[in-house]
């Protein structure tokens, strides 16, 4: 799988109110994409912008929303899953929030 940085627009930086954003686009040999986005806030003064608000604001429709365990046995991480219907094709988003020291 090959990855590359995905540029973050000035508009997105202003909306999210942080400069600490890592966006990557990974493509496998079959041409399927996985987008990774990590947004970090150095303090808790800013509210989180969840993917539901951002994507529905861009015209996507939520088809399904649930929680998935990812990992092995007792080490599962529970992530939120959104399946979105968009004019450019369906999109699956997995996300979770972490607060405090990891």
N, C-alpha and C. Protein backbone atom coordinates (compact mmCIF):
# COMPACT_ATOMS: atom_id res chain seq x y z
N UNK A 1 0.86 -1.17 0.00
CA UNK A 1 0.00 0.00 0.00
C UNK A 1 0.90 1.23 0.00
N UNK A 2 0.59 2.17 -0.86
CA UNK A 2 1.37 3.39 -1.00
C UNK A 2 0.57 4.55 -0.43
N UNK A 3 1.23 5.42 0.35
CA UNK A 3 0.55 6.55 0.96
C UNK A 3 1.17 7.87 0.53
N UNK A 4 0.34 8.91 0.55
CA UNK A 4 0.83 10.25 0.25
C UNK A 4 0.06 11.24 1.11
N UNK A 5 0.70 12.38 1.38
CA UNK A 5 0.02 13.44 2.12
C UNK A 5 -1.14 13.98 1.31
N UNK A 6 -2.21 14.27 1.98
CA UNK A 6 -3.40 14.83 1.36
C UNK A 6 -3.50 16.28 1.84
N UNK A 7 -3.47 17.26 0.94
CA UNK A 7 -3.44 18.65 1.37
C UNK A 7 -4.70 19.07 2.13
N UNK A 8 -4.51 19.87 3.18
CA UNK A 8 -5.62 20.40 3.96
C UNK A 8 -5.81 21.86 3.54
N UNK A 9 -7.03 22.19 3.12
CA UNK A 9 -7.28 23.56 2.64
C UNK A 9 -7.29 24.54 3.80
N UNK A 10 -7.04 25.78 3.49
CA UNK A 10 -7.06 26.84 4.49
C UNK A 10 -8.44 26.93 5.14
N UNK A 11 -9.49 26.71 4.36
CA UNK A 11 -10.87 26.73 4.89
C UNK A 11 -11.06 25.69 5.99
N UNK A 12 -10.56 24.48 5.75
CA UNK A 12 -10.67 23.39 6.74
C UNK A 12 -9.88 23.74 8.00
N UNK A 13 -8.67 24.29 7.82
CA UNK A 13 -7.87 24.69 8.98
C UNK A 13 -8.62 25.71 9.83
N UNK A 14 -9.30 26.63 9.19
CA UNK A 14 -10.06 27.65 9.92
C UNK A 14 -11.27 27.05 10.62
N UNK A 15 -11.96 26.13 9.96
CA UNK A 15 -13.13 25.50 10.57
C UNK A 15 -12.73 24.67 11.78
N UNK A 16 -11.66 23.90 11.66
CA UNK A 16 -11.24 23.02 12.75
C UNK A 16 -10.46 23.75 13.84
N UNK A 17 -10.00 24.95 13.54
CA UNK A 17 -9.30 25.79 14.52
C UNK A 17 -8.07 25.12 15.13
N UNK A 18 -7.33 24.41 14.29
CA UNK A 18 -6.05 23.84 14.71
C UNK A 18 -5.17 23.67 13.49
N UNK A 19 -3.87 23.75 13.71
CA UNK A 19 -2.93 23.52 12.61
C UNK A 19 -2.37 22.10 12.66
N UNK A 20 -2.77 21.34 13.66
CA UNK A 20 -2.25 19.99 13.86
C UNK A 20 -3.16 18.96 13.20
N UNK A 21 -3.02 18.85 11.89
CA UNK A 21 -3.84 17.92 11.12
C UNK A 21 -2.94 17.09 10.22
N UNK A 22 -3.13 15.79 10.28
CA UNK A 22 -2.43 14.88 9.37
C UNK A 22 -3.49 14.22 8.51
N UNK A 23 -3.42 14.43 7.22
CA UNK A 23 -4.32 13.78 6.26
C UNK A 23 -3.46 12.99 5.28
N UNK A 24 -3.77 11.70 5.15
CA UNK A 24 -3.03 10.83 4.23
C UNK A 24 -4.02 10.05 3.39
N UNK A 25 -3.60 9.72 2.18
CA UNK A 25 -4.37 8.90 1.25
C UNK A 25 -3.53 7.69 0.92
N UNK A 26 -4.04 6.50 1.26
CA UNK A 26 -3.34 5.25 0.96
C UNK A 26 -4.09 4.52 -0.14
N UNK A 27 -3.37 3.96 -1.11
CA UNK A 27 -3.97 3.24 -2.23
C UNK A 27 -3.30 1.87 -2.33
N UNK A 28 -4.14 0.82 -2.42
CA UNK A 28 -3.56 -0.51 -2.59
C UNK A 28 -3.39 -0.84 -4.07
N UNK A 29 -2.89 -2.03 -4.36
CA UNK A 29 -2.61 -2.42 -5.75
C UNK A 29 -3.87 -2.54 -6.61
N UNK A 30 -5.04 -2.62 -5.96
CA UNK A 30 -6.30 -2.69 -6.70
C UNK A 30 -6.92 -1.31 -6.92
N UNK A 31 -6.24 -0.27 -6.45
CA UNK A 31 -6.74 1.09 -6.64
C UNK A 31 -7.76 1.54 -5.60
N UNK A 32 -7.91 0.78 -4.52
CA UNK A 32 -8.86 1.15 -3.46
C UNK A 32 -8.17 2.09 -2.48
N UNK A 33 -8.90 3.11 -2.05
CA UNK A 33 -8.35 4.15 -1.19
C UNK A 33 -8.76 3.98 0.26
N UNK A 34 -7.84 4.35 1.15
CA UNK A 34 -8.13 4.53 2.57
C UNK A 34 -7.57 5.89 2.93
N UNK A 35 -8.44 6.74 3.48
CA UNK A 35 -8.01 8.07 3.89
C UNK A 35 -7.87 8.08 5.41
N UNK A 36 -6.75 8.58 5.89
CA UNK A 36 -6.49 8.70 7.31
C UNK A 36 -6.44 10.17 7.66
N UNK A 37 -7.18 10.55 8.67
CA UNK A 37 -7.17 11.94 9.12
C UNK A 37 -7.05 11.94 10.63
N UNK A 38 -6.02 12.62 11.14
CA UNK A 38 -5.83 12.77 12.57
C UNK A 38 -5.84 14.26 12.87
N UNK A 39 -6.73 14.66 13.77
CA UNK A 39 -6.84 16.06 14.16
C UNK A 39 -6.51 16.13 15.65
N UNK A 40 -5.54 16.97 15.97
CA UNK A 40 -5.08 17.09 17.36
C UNK A 40 -5.34 18.50 17.87
N UNK A 41 -5.89 18.58 19.07
CA UNK A 41 -6.06 19.86 19.75
C UNK A 41 -5.16 19.85 20.98
N UNK A 42 -4.22 20.79 21.09
CA UNK A 42 -3.30 20.81 22.22
C UNK A 42 -3.98 21.14 23.55
N UNK A 43 -5.18 21.67 23.51
CA UNK A 43 -5.94 21.91 24.74
C UNK A 43 -7.40 21.59 24.47
N UNK A 44 -8.20 21.60 25.50
CA UNK A 44 -9.62 21.22 25.36
C UNK A 44 -10.54 22.42 25.21
N UNK A 45 -10.00 23.55 24.78
CA UNK A 45 -10.82 24.76 24.66
C UNK A 45 -11.71 24.73 23.43
N UNK A 46 -11.36 23.91 22.46
CA UNK A 46 -12.10 23.84 21.19
C UNK A 46 -12.98 22.60 21.21
N UNK A 47 -14.23 22.74 20.76
CA UNK A 47 -15.12 21.60 20.65
C UNK A 47 -14.75 20.76 19.43
N UNK A 48 -15.02 19.48 19.51
CA UNK A 48 -14.72 18.60 18.39
C UNK A 48 -15.71 18.81 17.25
N UNK A 49 -15.23 18.66 16.04
CA UNK A 49 -16.08 18.70 14.85
C UNK A 49 -16.22 17.27 14.37
N UNK A 50 -17.35 16.65 14.66
CA UNK A 50 -17.46 15.23 14.32
C UNK A 50 -17.75 15.04 12.83
N UNK A 51 -17.40 13.87 12.30
CA UNK A 51 -17.58 13.59 10.87
C UNK A 51 -19.04 13.64 10.41
N UNK A 52 -19.98 13.38 11.31
CA UNK A 52 -21.39 13.43 10.91
C UNK A 52 -21.77 14.85 10.47
N UNK A 53 -21.40 15.82 11.26
CA UNK A 53 -21.74 17.22 10.94
C UNK A 53 -21.04 17.67 9.68
N UNK A 54 -19.74 17.38 9.59
CA UNK A 54 -18.96 17.84 8.43
C UNK A 54 -19.48 17.24 7.13
N UNK A 55 -19.74 15.94 7.12
CA UNK A 55 -20.13 15.28 5.87
C UNK A 55 -21.56 15.56 5.47
N UNK A 56 -22.49 15.62 6.43
CA UNK A 56 -23.87 15.95 6.06
C UNK A 56 -23.95 17.42 5.63
N UNK A 57 -23.08 18.25 6.17
CA UNK A 57 -23.01 19.64 5.74
C UNK A 57 -22.55 19.79 4.30
N UNK A 58 -21.83 18.78 3.81
CA UNK A 58 -21.38 18.78 2.42
C UNK A 58 -22.34 18.03 1.50
N UNK A 59 -23.51 17.64 2.03
CA UNK A 59 -24.53 17.01 1.19
C UNK A 59 -24.63 15.50 1.26
N UNK A 60 -23.81 14.85 2.07
CA UNK A 60 -23.89 13.39 2.20
C UNK A 60 -25.08 13.00 3.07
N UNK A 61 -25.63 11.82 2.82
CA UNK A 61 -26.73 11.29 3.61
C UNK A 61 -26.22 10.08 4.40
N UNK A 62 -26.50 10.05 5.70
CA UNK A 62 -26.09 8.92 6.53
C UNK A 62 -27.03 7.75 6.27
N UNK A 63 -26.47 6.65 5.76
CA UNK A 63 -27.24 5.45 5.46
C UNK A 63 -27.26 4.51 6.67
N UNK A 64 -26.13 4.47 7.40
CA UNK A 64 -26.03 3.59 8.56
C UNK A 64 -25.04 4.18 9.56
N UNK A 65 -25.35 4.01 10.84
CA UNK A 65 -24.46 4.46 11.90
C UNK A 65 -24.45 3.40 12.98
N UNK A 66 -23.25 2.91 13.34
CA UNK A 66 -23.14 1.92 14.40
C UNK A 66 -21.75 1.96 15.02
N UNK A 67 -21.48 1.03 15.93
CA UNK A 67 -20.19 0.95 16.62
C UNK A 67 -19.58 -0.41 16.32
N UNK A 68 -18.28 -0.41 15.97
CA UNK A 68 -17.57 -1.65 15.66
C UNK A 68 -16.42 -1.86 16.63
N UNK A 69 -16.23 -3.10 17.11
CA UNK A 69 -15.02 -3.40 17.87
C UNK A 69 -13.89 -3.76 16.90
N UNK A 70 -12.74 -3.14 17.07
CA UNK A 70 -11.59 -3.43 16.22
C UNK A 70 -10.45 -3.88 17.12
N UNK A 71 -9.88 -5.02 16.83
CA UNK A 71 -8.79 -5.54 17.63
C UNK A 71 -9.02 -7.00 17.97
N UNK A 72 -8.32 -7.45 19.00
CA UNK A 72 -8.39 -8.85 19.41
C UNK A 72 -8.88 -8.94 20.84
N UNK A 73 -9.85 -9.81 21.08
CA UNK A 73 -10.34 -10.15 22.40
C UNK A 73 -10.62 -8.92 23.27
N UNK A 74 -9.96 -8.85 24.44
CA UNK A 74 -10.21 -7.76 25.38
C UNK A 74 -9.51 -6.46 24.99
N UNK A 75 -8.73 -6.48 23.92
CA UNK A 75 -8.00 -5.29 23.51
C UNK A 75 -8.75 -4.53 22.43
N UNK A 76 -10.05 -4.78 22.29
CA UNK A 76 -10.82 -4.12 21.25
C UNK A 76 -10.93 -2.62 21.49
N UNK A 77 -10.82 -1.89 20.40
CA UNK A 77 -11.08 -0.46 20.39
C UNK A 77 -12.45 -0.31 19.75
N UNK A 78 -13.35 0.40 20.39
CA UNK A 78 -14.68 0.60 19.82
C UNK A 78 -14.65 1.88 19.00
N UNK A 79 -14.96 1.75 17.72
CA UNK A 79 -14.96 2.90 16.81
C UNK A 79 -16.38 3.10 16.26
N UNK A 80 -16.68 4.34 15.97
CA UNK A 80 -17.95 4.68 15.34
C UNK A 80 -17.81 4.46 13.84
N UNK A 81 -18.87 3.91 13.24
CA UNK A 81 -18.87 3.71 11.79
C UNK A 81 -20.04 4.46 11.18
N UNK A 82 -19.73 5.22 10.16
CA UNK A 82 -20.76 5.90 9.36
C UNK A 82 -20.67 5.38 7.94
N UNK A 83 -21.80 5.05 7.36
CA UNK A 83 -21.86 4.74 5.93
C UNK A 83 -22.65 5.87 5.30
N UNK A 84 -22.00 6.56 4.38
CA UNK A 84 -22.59 7.74 3.77
C UNK A 84 -22.89 7.50 2.30
N UNK A 85 -24.00 8.07 1.87
CA UNK A 85 -24.35 8.06 0.45
C UNK A 85 -24.04 9.45 -0.09
N UNK A 86 -23.21 9.49 -1.13
CA UNK A 86 -22.80 10.76 -1.73
C UNK A 86 -22.97 10.67 -3.24
N UNK A 87 -22.97 11.81 -3.90
CA UNK A 87 -23.08 11.80 -5.36
C UNK A 87 -21.84 11.16 -6.00
N UNK A 88 -20.68 11.23 -5.33
CA UNK A 88 -19.43 10.65 -5.85
C UNK A 88 -19.30 9.17 -5.50
N UNK A 89 -20.30 8.59 -4.83
CA UNK A 89 -20.22 7.19 -4.42
C UNK A 89 -20.27 7.08 -2.91
N UNK A 90 -20.57 5.90 -2.42
CA UNK A 90 -20.67 5.69 -0.98
C UNK A 90 -19.30 5.83 -0.32
N UNK A 91 -19.34 6.17 0.96
CA UNK A 91 -18.12 6.38 1.73
C UNK A 91 -18.33 5.78 3.12
N UNK A 92 -17.32 5.09 3.62
CA UNK A 92 -17.35 4.54 4.98
C UNK A 92 -16.34 5.31 5.82
N UNK A 93 -16.79 5.78 6.97
CA UNK A 93 -15.91 6.51 7.88
C UNK A 93 -15.87 5.78 9.21
N UNK A 94 -14.68 5.49 9.70
CA UNK A 94 -14.48 4.95 11.04
C UNK A 94 -13.79 6.04 11.85
N UNK A 95 -14.31 6.33 13.05
CA UNK A 95 -13.69 7.38 13.84
C UNK A 95 -13.89 7.14 15.33
N UNK A 96 -13.01 7.75 16.11
CA UNK A 96 -13.13 7.72 17.56
C UNK A 96 -12.43 8.96 18.11
N UNK A 97 -12.74 9.29 19.35
CA UNK A 97 -12.15 10.44 20.01
C UNK A 97 -11.35 9.96 21.21
N UNK A 98 -10.24 10.62 21.48
CA UNK A 98 -9.43 10.33 22.66
C UNK A 98 -9.22 11.64 23.39
N UNK A 99 -9.36 11.60 24.70
CA UNK A 99 -9.15 12.79 25.50
C UNK A 99 -8.18 12.47 26.62
N UNK A 100 -7.34 13.43 26.97
CA UNK A 100 -6.37 13.22 28.03
C UNK A 100 -5.06 12.64 27.50
N UNK A 101 -4.28 12.14 28.41
CA UNK A 101 -2.97 11.58 28.06
C UNK A 101 -3.13 10.13 27.63
N UNK A 102 -2.51 9.80 26.51
CA UNK A 102 -2.61 8.43 25.99
C UNK A 102 -1.41 7.64 26.44
